[in-house]
């Protein structure tokens, strides 16, 4: 199955949180309001007062986003999240 987002939506694959510190200690798992993931698909954009706002992201970018109105699902054994452009806080560059 392939998800094709519409309007100002993104399909993001969640990254597994780091469970071990650099010193080798195991970190507890906590529920954060933010997550990181890689963009798998982007919607075309949205309209605002008769102006078209294109998608500011590209497939493959790693992003930091908030999770409060997303849709989570499993697709081909991957943790997938559907969210809006406005939920992305930052692009993570290596």
C-alpha atoms as a PDB file:
ATOM      1  CA  UNK A   1       0.000   0.000   0.000  1.00  0.00           C
ATOM      2  CA  UNK A   2       1.205   3.523  -0.786  1.00  0.00           C
ATOM      3  CA  UNK A   3       0.027   6.636   1.066  1.00  0.00           C
ATOM      4  CA  UNK A   4      -0.226   9.828  -0.984  1.00  0.00           C
ATOM      5  CA  UNK A   5      -0.835  12.836   1.282  1.00  0.00           C
ATOM      6  CA  UNK A   6      -3.136  15.652   0.222  1.00  0.00           C
ATOM      7  CA  UNK A   7      -3.075  19.399   0.969  1.00  0.00           C
ATOM      8  CA  UNK A   8      -0.599  20.326   3.718  1.00  0.00           C
ATOM      9  CA  UNK A   9       0.055  16.817   5.037  1.00  0.00           C
ATOM     10  CA  UNK A  10       3.214  14.740   5.393  1.00  0.00           C
ATOM     11  CA  UNK A  11       3.842  11.014   5.720  1.00  0.00           C
ATOM     12  CA  UNK A  12       6.694  10.519   8.208  1.00  0.00           C
ATOM     13  CA  UNK A  13       8.408   7.315   9.350  1.00  0.00           C
ATOM     14  CA  UNK A  14       9.168   7.488  13.059  1.00  0.00           C
ATOM     15  CA  UNK A  15      12.717   6.888  14.188  1.00  0.00           C
ATOM     16  CA  UNK A  16      13.354   4.618  17.143  1.00  0.00           C
ATOM     17  CA  UNK A  17      14.435   6.709  20.145  1.00  0.00           C
ATOM     18  CA  UNK A  18      18.001   6.361  21.377  1.00  0.00           C
ATOM     19  CA  UNK A  19      17.838   3.923  24.283  1.00  0.00           C
ATOM     20  CA  UNK A  20      21.475   4.041  25.330  1.00  0.00           C
ATOM     21  CA  UNK A  21      23.644   7.019  26.330  1.00  0.00           C
ATOM     22  CA  UNK A  22      27.158   7.567  24.964  1.00  0.00           C
ATOM     23  CA  UNK A  23      28.508   6.215  28.261  1.00  0.00           C
ATOM     24  CA  UNK A  24      26.575   2.963  27.846  1.00  0.00           C
ATOM     25  CA  UNK A  25      23.730   3.634  30.293  1.00  0.00           C
ATOM     26  CA  UNK A  26      20.251   2.524  29.282  1.00  0.00           C
ATOM     27  CA  UNK A  27      17.844   5.450  29.159  1.00  0.00           C
ATOM     28  CA  UNK A  28      14.251   5.133  30.349  1.00  0.00           C
ATOM     29  CA  UNK A  29      11.559   5.446  27.740  1.00  0.00           C
ATOM     30  CA  UNK A  30       9.373   8.484  28.290  1.00  0.00           C
ATOM     31  CA  UNK A  31       6.542   9.968  26.311  1.00  0.00           C
ATOM     32  CA  UNK A  32       7.731  13.230  24.810  1.00  0.00           C
ATOM     33  CA  UNK A  33       5.524  15.699  23.037  1.00  0.00           C
ATOM     34  CA  UNK A  34       8.043  15.704  20.203  1.00  0.00           C
ATOM     35  CA  UNK A  35       9.482  13.023  17.914  1.00  0.00           C
ATOM     36  CA  UNK A  36      11.909  12.711  15.030  1.00  0.00           C
ATOM     37  CA  UNK A  37      11.359  10.982  11.724  1.00  0.00           C
ATOM     38  CA  UNK A  38      12.104  10.881   8.019  1.00  0.00           C
ATOM     39  CA  UNK A  39       9.649  12.270   5.467  1.00  0.00           C
ATOM     40  CA  UNK A  40       8.386   9.568   3.094  1.00  0.00           C
ATOM     41  CA  UNK A  41       5.861  11.682   1.146  1.00  0.00           C
ATOM     42  CA  UNK A  42       4.690  15.306   0.987  1.00  0.00           C
ATOM     43  CA  UNK A  43       1.360  16.824   0.037  1.00  0.00           C
ATOM     44  CA  UNK A  44       1.334  19.527  -2.660  1.00  0.00           C
ATOM     45  CA  UNK A  45       0.668  22.402  -0.249  1.00  0.00           C
ATOM     46  CA  UNK A  46      -2.261  24.473   0.919  1.00  0.00           C
ATOM     47  CA  UNK A  47      -4.244  27.589   0.095  1.00  0.00           C
ATOM     48  CA  UNK A  48      -4.364  30.666   2.284  1.00  0.00           C
ATOM     49  CA  UNK A  49      -6.465  33.672   1.282  1.00  0.00           C
ATOM     50  CA  UNK A  50      -6.284  32.852  -2.444  1.00  0.00           C
ATOM     51  CA  UNK A  51      -2.500  32.285  -2.282  1.00  0.00           C
ATOM     52  CA  UNK A  52      -0.908  28.895  -2.815  1.00  0.00           C
ATOM     53  CA  UNK A  53       1.603  27.806  -0.162  1.00  0.00           C
ATOM     54  CA  UNK A  54       3.863  25.062  -1.562  1.00  0.00           C
ATOM     55  CA  UNK A  55       5.305  22.252   0.527  1.00  0.00           C
ATOM     56  CA  UNK A  56       8.478  23.528   2.256  1.00  0.00           C
ATOM     57  CA  UNK A  57       9.880  19.992   2.733  1.00  0.00           C
ATOM     58  CA  UNK A  58      11.335  17.287   0.511  1.00  0.00           C
ATOM     59  CA  UNK A  59      11.207  13.514   0.761  1.00  0.00           C
ATOM     60  CA  UNK A  60      14.117  12.147   2.777  1.00  0.00           C
ATOM     61  CA  UNK A  61      14.516  15.081   5.161  1.00  0.00           C
ATOM     62  CA  UNK A  62      14.817  14.283   8.859  1.00  0.00           C
ATOM     63  CA  UNK A  63      12.460  16.446  10.917  1.00  0.00           C
ATOM     64  CA  UNK A  64      11.586  17.222  14.544  1.00  0.00           C
ATOM     65  CA  UNK A  65       7.841  17.528  15.095  1.00  0.00           C
ATOM     66  CA  UNK A  66       5.209  17.759  17.821  1.00  0.00           C
ATOM     67  CA  UNK A  67       2.652  15.013  18.355  1.00  0.00           C
ATOM     68  CA  UNK A  68      -0.729  16.246  19.411  1.00  0.00           C
ATOM     69  CA  UNK A  69      -3.017  15.862  16.429  1.00  0.00           C
ATOM     70  CA  UNK A  70      -1.312  13.284  14.257  1.00  0.00           C
ATOM     71  CA  UNK A  71      -2.566   9.964  12.954  1.00  0.00           C
ATOM     72  CA  UNK A  72      -0.336   6.992  13.786  1.00  0.00           C
ATOM     73  CA  UNK A  73      -0.427   3.670  11.951  1.00  0.00           C
ATOM     74  CA  UNK A  74       1.668   0.673  10.960  1.00  0.00           C
ATOM     75  CA  UNK A  75       2.448   0.207   7.286  1.00  0.00           C
ATOM     76  CA  UNK A  76       4.671  -2.633   6.077  1.00  0.00           C
ATOM     77  CA  UNK A  77       6.065  -3.032   9.644  1.00  0.00           C
ATOM     78  CA  UNK A  78       7.018   0.661   9.812  1.00  0.00           C
ATOM     79  CA  UNK A  79       5.702   3.147  12.374  1.00  0.00           C
ATOM     80  CA  UNK A  80       4.108   5.865  10.211  1.00  0.00           C
ATOM     81  CA  UNK A  81       2.665   9.234  11.229  1.00  0.00           C
ATOM     82  CA  UNK A  82       0.470  11.544   9.144  1.00  0.00           C
ATOM     83  CA  UNK A  83       0.820  15.173  10.211  1.00  0.00           C
ATOM     84  CA  UNK A  84       0.458  18.767   8.976  1.00  0.00           C
ATOM     85  CA  UNK A  85       3.290  21.046   7.840  1.00  0.00           C
ATOM     86  CA  UNK A  86       2.673  23.304  10.833  1.00  0.00           C
ATOM     87  CA  UNK A  87       3.488  20.465  13.269  1.00  0.00           C
ATOM     88  CA  UNK A  88       7.125  20.370  12.093  1.00  0.00           C
ATOM     89  CA  UNK A  89       9.401  22.364  14.384  1.00  0.00           C
ATOM     90  CA  UNK A  90      12.741  21.951  12.594  1.00  0.00           C
ATOM     91  CA  UNK A  91      14.675  20.166   9.872  1.00  0.00           C
ATOM     92  CA  UNK A  92      17.536  18.112  11.307  1.00  0.00           C
ATOM     93  CA  UNK A  93      20.718  18.393   9.269  1.00  0.00           C
ATOM     94  CA  UNK A  94      23.679  16.065   9.821  1.00  0.00           C
END
